PDB file of N, CA and C in Angstrom:
ATOM      1  N   MET A   1      23.660   3.587  -0.196  1.00  0.00           N
ATOM      2  CA  MET A   1      22.388   2.958  -0.410  1.00  0.00           C
ATOM      3  C   MET A   1      21.679   2.630   0.897  1.00  0.00           C
ATOM      4  N   LEU A   2      21.877   3.447   1.889  1.00  0.00           N
ATOM      5  CA  LEU A   2      21.235   3.244   3.189  1.00  0.00           C
ATOM      6  C   LEU A   2      19.725   3.307   3.064  1.00  0.00           C
ATOM      7  N   LYS A   3      19.220   4.197   2.205  1.00  0.00           N
ATOM      8  CA  LYS A   3      17.767   4.312   2.061  1.00  0.00           C
ATOM      9  C   LYS A   3      17.157   3.031   1.490  1.00  0.00           C
ATOM     10  N   ASP A   4      17.876   2.346   0.595  1.00  0.00           N
ATOM     11  CA  ASP A   4      17.374   1.083   0.049  1.00  0.00           C
ATOM     12  C   ASP A   4      17.315   0.005   1.124  1.00  0.00           C
ATOM     13  N   GLN A   5      18.327  -0.015   1.989  1.00  0.00           N
ATOM     14  CA  GLN A   5      18.339  -0.988   3.085  1.00  0.00           C
ATOM     15  C   GLN A   5      17.222  -0.690   4.079  1.00  0.00           C
ATOM     16  N   LEU A   6      17.020   0.581   4.389  1.00  0.00           N
ATOM     17  CA  LEU A   6      15.944   0.957   5.306  1.00  0.00           C
ATOM     18  C   LEU A   6      14.583   0.610   4.710  1.00  0.00           C
ATOM     19  N   PHE A   7      14.439   0.817   3.414  1.00  0.00           N
ATOM     20  CA  PHE A   7      13.190   0.471   2.745  1.00  0.00           C
ATOM     21  C   PHE A   7      12.915  -1.023   2.872  1.00  0.00           C
ATOM     22  N   ALA A   8      13.921  -1.837   2.621  1.00  0.00           N
ATOM     23  CA  ALA A   8      13.759  -3.293   2.705  1.00  0.00           C
ATOM     24  C   ALA A   8      13.440  -3.721   4.140  1.00  0.00           C
ATOM     25  N   ILE A   9      14.105  -3.143   5.101  1.00  0.00           N
ATOM     26  CA  ILE A   9      13.869  -3.490   6.506  1.00  0.00           C
ATOM     27  C   ILE A   9      12.474  -3.054   6.942  1.00  0.00           C
ATOM     28  N   SER A  10      11.988  -1.953   6.414  1.00  0.00           N
ATOM     29  CA  SER A  10      10.673  -1.439   6.830  1.00  0.00           C
ATOM     30  C   SER A  10       9.538  -2.367   6.435  1.00  0.00           C
ATOM     31  N   LEU A  11       9.789  -3.273   5.519  1.00  0.00           N
ATOM     32  CA  LEU A  11       8.765  -4.215   5.102  1.00  0.00           C
ATOM     33  C   LEU A  11       8.383  -5.172   6.235  1.00  0.00           C
ATOM     34  N   PHE A  12       9.343  -5.543   7.072  1.00  0.00           N
ATOM     35  CA  PHE A  12       9.082  -6.504   8.143  1.00  0.00           C
ATOM     36  C   PHE A  12       8.101  -5.990   9.191  1.00  0.00           C
ATOM     37  N   PRO A  13       8.238  -4.755   9.681  1.00  0.00           N
ATOM     38  CA  PRO A  13       7.214  -4.269  10.617  1.00  0.00           C
ATOM     39  C   PRO A  13       5.829  -4.191   9.973  1.00  0.00           C
ATOM     40  N   TYR A  14       5.770  -3.857   8.694  1.00  0.00           N
ATOM     41  CA  TYR A  14       4.478  -3.787   8.022  1.00  0.00           C
ATOM     42  C   TYR A  14       3.862  -5.176   7.895  1.00  0.00           C
ATOM     43  N   LEU A  15       4.672  -6.169   7.580  1.00  0.00           N
ATOM     44  CA  LEU A  15       4.169  -7.545   7.512  1.00  0.00           C
ATOM     45  C   LEU A  15       3.668  -8.002   8.883  1.00  0.00           C
ATOM     46  N   GLY A  16       4.375  -7.592   9.949  1.00  0.00           N
ATOM     47  CA  GLY A  16       3.915  -7.891  11.306  1.00  0.00           C
ATOM     48  C   GLY A  16       2.579  -7.232  11.596  1.00  0.00           C
ATOM     49  N   PHE A  17       2.440  -5.979  11.172  1.00  0.00           N
ATOM     50  CA  PHE A  17       1.182  -5.248  11.321  1.00  0.00           C
ATOM     51  C   PHE A  17       0.054  -5.990  10.608  1.00  0.00           C
ATOM     52  N   LEU A  18       0.303  -6.412   9.373  1.00  0.00           N
ATOM     53  CA  LEU A  18      -0.718  -7.153   8.622  1.00  0.00           C
ATOM     54  C   LEU A  18      -1.088  -8.456   9.319  1.00  0.00           C
ATOM     55  N   TRP A  19      -0.098  -9.144   9.831  1.00  0.00           N
ATOM     56  CA  TRP A  19      -0.358 -10.402  10.519  1.00  0.00           C
ATOM     57  C   TRP A  19      -1.273 -10.170  11.723  1.00  0.00           C
ATOM     58  N   PHE A  20      -0.952  -9.155  12.530  1.00  0.00           N
ATOM     59  CA  PHE A  20      -1.749  -8.890  13.732  1.00  0.00           C
ATOM     60  C   PHE A  20      -3.171  -8.442  13.408  1.00  0.00           C
ATOM     61  N   ILE A  21      -3.327  -7.547  12.440  1.00  0.00           N
ATOM     62  CA  ILE A  21      -4.692  -7.082  12.158  1.00  0.00           C
ATOM     63  C   ILE A  21      -5.515  -8.160  11.474  1.00  0.00           C
ATOM     64  N   THR A  22      -4.850  -9.040  10.734  1.00  0.00           N
ATOM     65  CA  THR A  22      -5.575 -10.158  10.123  1.00  0.00           C
ATOM     66  C   THR A  22      -5.995 -11.150  11.195  1.00  0.00           C
ATOM     67  N   LYS A  23      -5.080 -11.473  12.074  1.00  0.00           N
ATOM     68  CA  LYS A  23      -5.340 -12.461  13.126  1.00  0.00           C
ATOM     69  C   LYS A  23      -6.393 -11.960  14.118  1.00  0.00           C
ATOM     70  N   SER A  24      -6.444 -10.657  14.343  1.00  0.00           N
ATOM     71  CA  SER A  24      -7.396 -10.113  15.314  1.00  0.00           C
ATOM     72  C   SER A  24      -8.840 -10.343  14.879  1.00  0.00           C
ATOM     73  N   GLY A  25      -9.068 -10.351  13.578  1.00  0.00           N
ATOM     74  CA  GLY A  25     -10.419 -10.534  13.069  1.00  0.00           C
ATOM     75  C   GLY A  25     -11.330  -9.339  13.292  1.00  0.00           C
ATOM     76  N   LYS A  26     -10.786  -8.238  13.755  1.00  0.00           N
ATOM     77  CA  LYS A  26     -11.593  -7.063  14.076  1.00  0.00           C
ATOM     78  C   LYS A  26     -11.510  -5.964  13.023  1.00  0.00           C
ATOM     79  N   THR A  27     -10.624  -6.133  12.066  1.00  0.00           N
ATOM     80  CA  THR A  27     -10.465  -5.118  11.032  1.00  0.00           C
ATOM     81  C   THR A  27     -11.517  -5.345   9.956  1.00  0.00           C
ATOM     82  N   PRO A  28     -12.216  -4.289   9.549  1.00  0.00           N
ATOM     83  CA  PRO A  28     -13.202  -4.445   8.468  1.00  0.00           C
ATOM     84  C   PRO A  28     -12.548  -5.056   7.228  1.00  0.00           C
ATOM     85  N   ARG A  29     -13.256  -5.981   6.603  1.00  0.00           N
ATOM     86  CA  ARG A  29     -12.699  -6.735   5.470  1.00  0.00           C
ATOM     87  C   ARG A  29     -12.190  -5.830   4.346  1.00  0.00           C
ATOM     88  N   LEU A  30     -12.952  -4.840   3.978  1.00  0.00           N
ATOM     89  CA  LEU A  30     -12.538  -3.956   2.887  1.00  0.00           C
ATOM     90  C   LEU A  30     -11.276  -3.176   3.264  1.00  0.00           C
ATOM     91  N   ALA A  31     -11.195  -2.735   4.505  1.00  0.00           N
ATOM     92  CA  ALA A  31      -9.991  -2.033   4.963  1.00  0.00           C
ATOM     93  C   ALA A  31      -8.793  -2.976   4.963  1.00  0.00           C
ATOM     94  N   LEU A  32      -9.001  -4.208   5.377  1.00  0.00           N
ATOM     95  CA  LEU A  32      -7.927  -5.200   5.392  1.00  0.00           C
ATOM     96  C   LEU A  32      -7.412  -5.438   3.969  1.00  0.00           C
ATOM     97  N   ILE A  33      -8.324  -5.532   3.025  1.00  0.00           N
ATOM     98  CA  ILE A  33      -7.923  -5.683   1.622  1.00  0.00           C
ATOM     99  C   ILE A  33      -7.086  -4.476   1.200  1.00  0.00           C
ATOM    100  N   GLY A  34      -7.504  -3.289   1.610  1.00  0.00           N
ATOM    101  CA  GLY A  34      -6.745  -2.076   1.291  1.00  0.00           C
ATOM    102  C   GLY A  34      -5.332  -2.117   1.839  1.00  0.00           C
ATOM    103  N   PHE A  35      -5.179  -2.619   3.068  1.00  0.00           N
ATOM    104  CA  PHE A  35      -3.838  -2.729   3.650  1.00  0.00           C
ATOM    105  C   PHE A  35      -2.983  -3.719   2.863  1.00  0.00           C
ATOM    106  N   TYR A  36      -3.607  -4.786   2.358  1.00  0.00           N
ATOM    107  CA  TYR A  36      -2.861  -5.748   1.540  1.00  0.00           C
ATOM    108  C   TYR A  36      -2.546  -5.192   0.153  1.00  0.00           C
ATOM    109  N   VAL A  37      -3.413  -4.364  -0.385  1.00  0.00           N
ATOM    110  CA  VAL A  37      -3.149  -3.743  -1.687  1.00  0.00           C
ATOM    111  C   VAL A  37      -1.901  -2.856  -1.623  1.00  0.00           C
ATOM    112  N   LEU A  38      -1.607  -2.341  -0.442  1.00  0.00           N
ATOM    113  CA  LEU A  38      -0.385  -1.553  -0.286  1.00  0.00           C
ATOM    114  C   LEU A  38       0.849  -2.394  -0.625  1.00  0.00           C
ATOM    115  N   LEU A  39       0.789  -3.687  -0.349  1.00  0.00           N
ATOM    116  CA  LEU A  39       1.899  -4.572  -0.737  1.00  0.00           C
ATOM    117  C   LEU A  39       2.028  -4.649  -2.258  1.00  0.00           C
ATOM    118  N   ILE A  40       0.907  -4.602  -2.954  1.00  0.00           N
ATOM    119  CA  ILE A  40       0.948  -4.587  -4.425  1.00  0.00           C
ATOM    120  C   ILE A  40       1.631  -3.308  -4.896  1.00  0.00           C
ATOM    121  N   PHE A  41       1.304  -2.194  -4.238  1.00  0.00           N
ATOM    122  CA  PHE A  41       1.957  -0.925  -4.571  1.00  0.00           C
ATOM    123  C   PHE A  41       3.476  -1.057  -4.437  1.00  0.00           C
ATOM    124  N   VAL A  42       3.928  -1.645  -3.341  1.00  0.00           N
ATOM    125  CA  VAL A  42       5.365  -1.818  -3.127  1.00  0.00           C
ATOM    126  C   VAL A  42       5.945  -2.736  -4.200  1.00  0.00           C
ATOM    127  N   ALA A  43       5.238  -3.827  -4.485  1.00  0.00           N
ATOM    128  CA  ALA A  43       5.722  -4.785  -5.484  1.00  0.00           C
ATOM    129  C   ALA A  43       5.799  -4.176  -6.881  1.00  0.00           C
ATOM    130  N   VAL A  44       4.930  -3.229  -7.185  1.00  0.00           N
ATOM    131  CA  VAL A  44       4.938  -2.570  -8.494  1.00  0.00           C
ATOM    132  C   VAL A  44       5.974  -1.449  -8.537  1.00  0.00           C
ATOM    133  N   THR A  45       6.133  -0.753  -7.429  1.00  0.00           N
ATOM    134  CA  THR A  45       7.027   0.405  -7.384  1.00  0.00           C
ATOM    135  C   THR A  45       8.491   0.021  -7.553  1.00  0.00           C
ATOM    136  N   ILE A  46       8.895  -1.078  -6.968  1.00  0.00           N
ATOM    137  CA  ILE A  46      10.307  -1.472  -7.041  1.00  0.00           C
ATOM    138  C   ILE A  46      10.745  -1.727  -8.483  1.00  0.00           C
ATOM    139  N   PRO A  47      10.066  -2.601  -9.236  1.00  0.00           N
ATOM    140  CA  PRO A  47      10.509  -2.778 -10.629  1.00  0.00           C
ATOM    141  C   PRO A  47      10.306  -1.525 -11.485  1.00  0.00           C
ATOM    142  N   ALA A  48       9.279  -0.737 -11.172  1.00  0.00           N
ATOM    143  CA  ALA A  48       9.066   0.505 -11.932  1.00  0.00           C
ATOM    144  C   ALA A  48      10.234   1.462 -11.708  1.00  0.00           C
ATOM    145  N   GLY A  49      10.725   1.521 -10.476  1.00  0.00           N
ATOM    146  CA  GLY A  49      11.881   2.374 -10.179  1.00  0.00           C
ATOM    147  C   GLY A  49      13.133   1.898 -10.890  1.00  0.00           C
ATOM    148  N   ILE A  50      13.320   0.594 -10.928  1.00  0.00           N
ATOM    149  CA  ILE A  50      14.480   0.024 -11.634  1.00  0.00           C
ATOM    150  C   ILE A  50      14.375   0.314 -13.133  1.00  0.00           C
ATOM    151  N   TYR A  51      13.178   0.137 -13.677  1.00  0.00           N
ATOM    152  CA  TYR A  51      12.950   0.417 -15.104  1.00  0.00           C
ATOM    153  C   TYR A  51      13.225   1.892 -15.415  1.00  0.00           C
ATOM    154  N   ALA A  52      12.728   2.779 -14.576  1.00  0.00           N
ATOM    155  CA  ALA A  52      12.940   4.215 -14.793  1.00  0.00           C
ATOM    156  C   ALA A  52      14.430   4.546 -14.800  1.00  0.00           C
ATOM    157  N   LYS A  53      15.169   3.935 -13.893  1.00  0.00           N
ATOM    158  CA  LYS A  53      16.601   4.209 -13.802  1.00  0.00           C
ATOM    159  C   LYS A  53      17.343   3.647 -15.010  1.00  0.00           C
ATOM    160  N   ASN A  54      17.010   2.415 -15.405  1.00  0.00           N
ATOM    161  CA  ASN A  54      17.730   1.763 -16.509  1.00  0.00           C
ATOM    162  C   ASN A  54      17.360   2.318 -17.877  1.00  0.00           C
ATOM    163  N   VAL A  55      16.091   2.619 -18.102  1.00  0.00           N
ATOM    164  CA  VAL A  55      15.650   3.051 -19.426  1.00  0.00           C
ATOM    165  C   VAL A  55      15.771   4.567 -19.601  1.00  0.00           C
ATOM    166  N   TYR A  56      15.386   5.317 -18.580  1.00  0.00           N
ATOM    167  CA  TYR A  56      15.362   6.779 -18.687  1.00  0.00           C
ATOM    168  C   TYR A  56      16.519   7.462 -17.965  1.00  0.00           C
ATOM    169  N   GLY A  57      17.236   6.723 -17.136  1.00  0.00           N
ATOM    170  CA  GLY A  57      18.324   7.326 -16.364  1.00  0.00           C
ATOM    171  C   GLY A  57      17.808   8.303 -15.323  1.00  0.00           C
ATOM    172  N   GLU A  58      16.591   8.115 -14.898  1.00  0.00           N
ATOM    173  CA  GLU A  58      15.924   9.023 -13.956  1.00  0.00           C
ATOM    174  C   GLU A  58      15.348   8.242 -12.782  1.00  0.00           C
ATOM    175  N   ALA A  59      15.082   8.975 -11.710  1.00  0.00           N
ATOM    176  CA  ALA A  59      14.353   8.384 -10.591  1.00  0.00           C
ATOM    177  C   ALA A  59      12.898   8.199 -11.005  1.00  0.00           C
ATOM    178  N   LEU A  60      12.227   7.268 -10.367  1.00  0.00           N
ATOM    179  CA  LEU A  60      10.829   6.983 -10.702  1.00  0.00           C
ATOM    180  C   LEU A  60       9.970   8.251 -10.627  1.00  0.00           C
ATOM    181  N   ALA A  61      10.208   9.081  -9.651  1.00  0.00           N
ATOM    182  CA  ALA A  61       9.411  10.300  -9.469  1.00  0.00           C
ATOM    183  C   ALA A  61       9.514  11.252 -10.658  1.00  0.00           C
ATOM    184  N   ASN A  62      10.541  11.097 -11.475  1.00  0.00           N
ATOM    185  CA  ASN A  62      10.735  11.992 -12.620  1.00  0.00           C
ATOM    186  C   ASN A  62      10.179  11.446 -13.926  1.00  0.00           C
ATOM    187  N   VAL A  63       9.627  10.242 -13.900  1.00  0.00           N
ATOM    188  CA  VAL A  63       9.027   9.647 -15.101  1.00  0.00           C
ATOM    189  C   VAL A  63       7.523   9.585 -14.836  1.00  0.00           C
ATOM    190  N   ASP A  64       6.846  10.641 -15.256  1.00  0.00           N
ATOM    191  CA  ASP A  64       5.449  10.844 -14.857  1.00  0.00           C
ATOM    192  C   ASP A  64       4.535   9.673 -15.165  1.00  0.00           C
ATOM    193  N   TRP A  65       4.567   9.147 -16.384  1.00  0.00           N
ATOM    194  CA  TRP A  65       3.632   8.080 -16.735  1.00  0.00           C
ATOM    195  C   TRP A  65       3.874   6.829 -15.900  1.00  0.00           C
ATOM    196  N   LEU A  66       5.121   6.541 -15.602  1.00  0.00           N
ATOM    197  CA  LEU A  66       5.465   5.355 -14.827  1.00  0.00           C
ATOM    198  C   LEU A  66       5.142   5.566 -13.350  1.00  0.00           C
ATOM    199  N   HIS A  67       5.469   6.738 -12.866  1.00  0.00           N
ATOM    200  CA  HIS A  67       5.190   7.078 -11.474  1.00  0.00           C
ATOM    201  C   HIS A  67       3.688   7.089 -11.209  1.00  0.00           C
ATOM    202  N   GLY A  68       2.948   7.693 -12.103  1.00  0.00           N
ATOM    203  CA  GLY A  68       1.496   7.746 -11.952  1.00  0.00           C
ATOM    204  C   GLY A  68       0.865   6.367 -12.002  1.00  0.00           C
ATOM    205  N   SER A  69       1.398   5.505 -12.859  1.00  0.00           N
ATOM    206  CA  SER A  69       0.877   4.141 -12.951  1.00  0.00           C
ATOM    207  C   SER A  69       1.093   3.375 -11.657  1.00  0.00           C
ATOM    208  N   ALA A  70       2.235   3.561 -11.036  1.00  0.00           N
ATOM    209  CA  ALA A  70       2.510   2.893  -9.758  1.00  0.00           C
ATOM    210  C   ALA A  70       1.649   3.483  -8.641  1.00  0.00           C
ATOM    211  N   GLU A  71       1.465   4.788  -8.667  1.00  0.00           N
ATOM    212  CA  GLU A  71       0.704   5.458  -7.613  1.00  0.00           C
ATOM    213  C   GLU A  71      -0.775   5.088  -7.616  1.00  0.00           C
ATOM    214  N   VAL A  72      -1.269   4.554  -8.719  1.00  0.00           N
ATOM    215  CA  VAL A  72      -2.660   4.098  -8.771  1.00  0.00           C
ATOM    216  C   VAL A  72      -2.916   3.081  -7.658  1.00  0.00           C
ATOM    217  N   PHE A  73      -1.949   2.205  -7.408  1.00  0.00           N
ATOM    218  CA  PHE A  73      -2.125   1.182  -6.377  1.00  0.00           C
ATOM    219  C   PHE A  73      -2.132   1.785  -4.972  1.00  0.00           C
ATOM    220  N   LEU A  74      -1.362   2.841  -4.762  1.00  0.00           N
ATOM    221  CA  LEU A  74      -1.401   3.541  -3.472  1.00  0.00           C
ATOM    222  C   LEU A  74      -2.749   4.211  -3.280  1.00  0.00           C
ATOM    223  N   THR A  75      -3.239   4.841  -4.315  1.00  0.00           N
ATOM    224  CA  THR A  75      -4.551   5.492  -4.253  1.00  0.00           C
ATOM    225  C   THR A  75      -5.649   4.470  -3.996  1.00  0.00           C
ATOM    226  N   LEU A  76      -5.601   3.351  -4.703  1.00  0.00           N
ATOM    227  CA  LEU A  76      -6.592   2.297  -4.501  1.00  0.00           C
ATOM    228  C   LEU A  76      -6.537   1.774  -3.071  1.00  0.00           C
ATOM    229  N   SER A  77      -5.346   1.579  -2.557  1.00  0.00           N
ATOM    230  CA  SER A  77      -5.177   1.119  -1.179  1.00  0.00           C
ATOM    231  C   SER A  77      -5.835   2.087  -0.199  1.00  0.00           C
ATOM    232  N   ASN A  78      -5.559   3.357  -0.357  1.00  0.00           N
ATOM    233  CA  ASN A  78      -6.133   4.374   0.531  1.00  0.00           C
ATOM    234  C   ASN A  78      -7.661   4.402   0.456  1.00  0.00           C
ATOM    235  N   ILE A  79      -8.191   4.309  -0.742  1.00  0.00           N
ATOM    236  CA  ILE A  79      -9.646   4.331  -0.918  1.00  0.00           C
ATOM    237  C   ILE A  79     -10.287   3.126  -0.222  1.00  0.00           C
ATOM    238  N   LEU A  80      -9.695   1.948  -0.408  1.00  0.00           N
ATOM    239  CA  LEU A  80     -10.251   0.752   0.213  1.00  0.00           C
ATOM    240  C   LEU A  80     -10.212   0.824   1.743  1.00  0.00           C
ATOM    241  N   VAL A  81      -9.129   1.338   2.296  1.00  0.00           N
ATOM    242  CA  VAL A  81      -9.026   1.469   3.752  1.00  0.00           C
ATOM    243  C   VAL A  81     -10.096   2.427   4.265  1.00  0.00           C
ATOM    244  N   VAL A  82     -10.232   3.556   3.625  1.00  0.00           N
ATOM    245  CA  VAL A  82     -11.228   4.544   4.057  1.00  0.00           C
ATOM    246  C   VAL A  82     -12.643   3.985   3.932  1.00  0.00           C
ATOM    247  N   LEU A  83     -12.954   3.390   2.800  1.00  0.00           N
ATOM    248  CA  LEU A  83     -14.301   2.835   2.608  1.00  0.00           C
ATOM    249  C   LEU A  83     -14.587   1.708   3.593  1.00  0.00           C
ATOM    250  N   GLY A  84     -13.580   0.888   3.875  1.00  0.00           N
ATOM    251  CA  GLY A  84     -13.767  -0.201   4.827  1.00  0.00           C
ATOM    252  C   GLY A  84     -14.104   0.298   6.218  1.00  0.00           C
ATOM    253  N   PHE A  85     -13.362   1.286   6.687  1.00  0.00           N
ATOM    254  CA  PHE A  85     -13.652   1.828   8.016  1.00  0.00           C
ATOM    255  C   PHE A  85     -14.940   2.646   8.015  1.00  0.00           C
ATOM    256  N   ARG A  86     -15.237   3.282   6.899  1.00  0.00           N
ATOM    257  CA  ARG A  86     -16.502   4.025   6.800  1.00  0.00           C
ATOM    258  C   ARG A  86     -17.688   3.074   6.918  1.00  0.00           C
ATOM    259  N   GLN A  87     -17.609   1.937   6.233  1.00  0.00           N
ATOM    260  CA  GLN A  87     -18.675   0.934   6.328  1.00  0.00           C
ATOM    261  C   GLN A  87     -18.822   0.433   7.761  1.00  0.00           C
ATOM    262  N   ALA A  88     -17.703   0.196   8.425  1.00  0.00           N
ATOM    263  CA  ALA A  88     -17.745  -0.307   9.801  1.00  0.00           C
ATOM    264  C   ALA A  88     -18.378   0.714  10.740  1.00  0.00           C
ATOM    265  N   ILE A  89     -18.050   1.971  10.553  1.00  0.00           N
ATOM    266  CA  ILE A  89     -18.628   3.028  11.392  1.00  0.00           C
ATOM    267  C   ILE A  89     -20.127   3.135  11.132  1.00  0.00           C
ATOM    268  N   ALA A  90     -20.521   3.090   9.856  1.00  0.00           N
ATOM    269  CA  ALA A  90     -21.947   3.171   9.509  1.00  0.00           C
ATOM    270  C   ALA A  90     -22.714   1.978  10.094  1.00  0.00           C
ATOM    271  N   ALA A  91     -22.132   0.790  10.005  1.00  0.00           N
ATOM    272  CA  ALA A  91     -22.787  -0.405  10.549  1.00  0.00           C
ATOM    273  C   ALA A  91     -22.910  -0.323  12.066  1.00  0.00           C
ATOM    274  N   ASP A  92     -21.901   0.231  12.697  1.00  0.00           N
ATOM    275  CA  ASP A  92     -21.927   0.380  14.163  1.00  0.00           C
ATOM    276  C   ASP A  92     -23.005   1.368  14.593  1.00  0.00           C
ATOM    277  N   ARG A  93     -23.191   2.426  13.803  1.00  0.00           N
ATOM    278  CA  ARG A  93     -24.240   3.410  14.128  1.00  0.00           C
ATOM    279  C   ARG A  93     -25.622   2.803  13.996  1.00  0.00           C
ATOM    280  N   VAL A  94     -25.802   1.939  13.005  1.00  0.00           N
ATOM    281  CA  VAL A  94     -27.095   1.297  12.806  1.00  0.00           C
ATOM    282  C   VAL A  94     -27.384   0.319  13.948  1.00  0.00           C
ATOM    283  N   ASP A  95     -26.354  -0.394  14.397  1.00  0.00           N
ATOM    284  CA  ASP A  95     -26.520  -1.363  15.477  1.00  0.00           C
ATOM    285  C   ASP A  95     -26.763  -0.700  16.829  1.00  0.00           C
ATOM    286  N   SER A  96     -26.344   0.534  16.972  1.00  0.00           N
ATOM    287  CA  SER A  96     -26.460   1.207  18.271  1.00  0.00           C
ATOM    288  C   SER A  96     -27.836   1.781  18.537  1.00  0.00           C
TER     289      SER A  96
END
């Protein structure tokens, strides 16, 4: 179960990243929300993976409806990050 331990440990650098970009005050608000939504994706994926294993005897990736439902949060996170930085770039062009 080394991959599970690595997954759990990887959360700490990401939390540090969130702390720094939040504290900097320079990250566009919508993008910052997107980075935080990624935590929701992680929070949803873990129980979904456990459910897939216990109910279906399969990995989450093999239970399409469950996997797709969890991936919605990853997609939402990506969209928010892109839109946030897009807004910041557009605003910077107008100010210049």
